[in-house]
Amino acid sequence: MTVDLNLGAISPFFINTLIISTFSCTFEEFKNNVTNLFLEEMCKEFVTDYEFVKVNEHKSHLLMNCTDLKN
């Protein structure tokens, strides 16, 4: 048996993406920029769901369900 390990063959298995961010502005400012500009405008075609978590005032975790890892 052989397994094709190119990205196109394995990408359906990697749909959850975690991004850990640190920033100098407040959490609310960062959250507004990420959710309004990044997630709802730039990524709306391939991010089907997300969870944005505040770790502290200058750190967050963003878990996204991505349907297309090539873009």
Protein backbone atom coordinates (compact mmCIF):
# COMPACT_ATOMS: atom_id res chain seq x y z
CA MET A 1 0.00 0.00 0.00
CA THR A 2 1.25 3.51 -0.82
CA VAL A 3 0.12 6.82 0.62
CA ASP A 4 0.22 10.06 -1.33
CA LEU A 5 1.47 12.73 1.10
CA ASN A 6 1.00 15.83 -1.04
CA LEU A 7 -1.00 18.68 0.52
CA GLY A 8 -3.97 18.13 -1.77
CA ALA A 9 -4.30 14.54 -0.61
CA ILE A 10 -4.09 15.22 3.14
CA SER A 11 -5.68 18.67 3.45
CA PRO A 12 -9.19 17.35 4.24
CA PHE A 13 -7.78 16.00 7.51
CA PHE A 14 -6.34 19.35 8.62
CA ILE A 15 -9.37 21.57 8.92
CA ASN A 16 -8.84 23.03 12.40
CA THR A 17 -6.23 25.75 12.75
CA LEU A 18 -5.05 27.34 15.99
CA ILE A 19 -3.44 30.79 15.93
CA ILE A 20 -1.87 32.13 19.12
CA SER A 21 -1.40 35.90 19.00
CA THR A 22 0.28 38.49 21.18
CA PHE A 23 -0.35 42.18 20.61
CA SER A 24 0.26 45.60 22.17
CA CYS A 25 -3.23 47.06 21.79
CA THR A 26 -6.14 46.08 24.03
CA PHE A 27 -7.86 42.75 23.60
CA GLU A 28 -11.10 44.39 22.43
CA GLU A 29 -9.29 46.39 19.73
CA PHE A 30 -7.49 43.31 18.51
CA LYS A 31 -10.64 41.18 18.57
CA ASN A 32 -12.56 43.77 16.54
CA ASN A 33 -9.82 43.93 13.92
CA VAL A 34 -9.47 40.17 13.64
CA THR A 35 -13.17 39.33 13.56
CA ASN A 36 -14.35 42.23 11.39
CA LEU A 37 -11.48 42.60 8.93
CA PHE A 38 -9.75 39.23 8.83
CA LEU A 39 -12.42 36.61 9.49
CA GLU A 40 -15.58 38.20 8.13
CA GLU A 41 -14.03 39.89 5.09
CA MET A 42 -10.84 38.14 4.01
CA CYS A 43 -11.53 34.56 5.14
CA LYS A 44 -15.29 34.26 4.90
CA GLU A 45 -15.09 31.91 1.91
CA PHE A 46 -13.09 29.20 3.68
CA VAL A 47 -13.57 29.71 7.45
CA THR A 48 -16.85 28.12 8.42
CA ASP A 49 -16.62 28.59 12.18
CA TYR A 50 -14.25 30.13 14.70
CA GLU A 51 -13.74 30.63 18.41
CA PHE A 52 -11.82 33.63 19.69
CA VAL A 53 -10.52 33.26 23.26
CA LYS A 54 -8.94 35.88 25.50
CA VAL A 55 -5.92 34.53 27.37
CA ASN A 56 -5.06 37.89 28.91
CA GLU A 57 -5.20 41.56 27.88
CA HIS A 58 -2.44 41.08 25.28
CA LYS A 59 -2.77 37.46 24.16
CA SER A 60 -5.46 35.44 22.38
CA HIS A 61 -6.15 32.05 20.86
CA LEU A 62 -8.10 31.77 17.63
CA LEU A 63 -9.39 28.36 16.59
CA MET A 64 -10.75 28.26 13.04
CA ASN A 65 -12.49 25.57 11.02
CA CYS A 66 -10.97 25.96 7.55
CA THR A 67 -12.41 24.26 4.49
CA ASP A 68 -9.56 25.24 2.13
CA LEU A 69 -5.93 25.27 3.28
CA LYS A 70 -4.54 26.21 -0.14
CA ASN A 71 -5.73 29.86 0.04
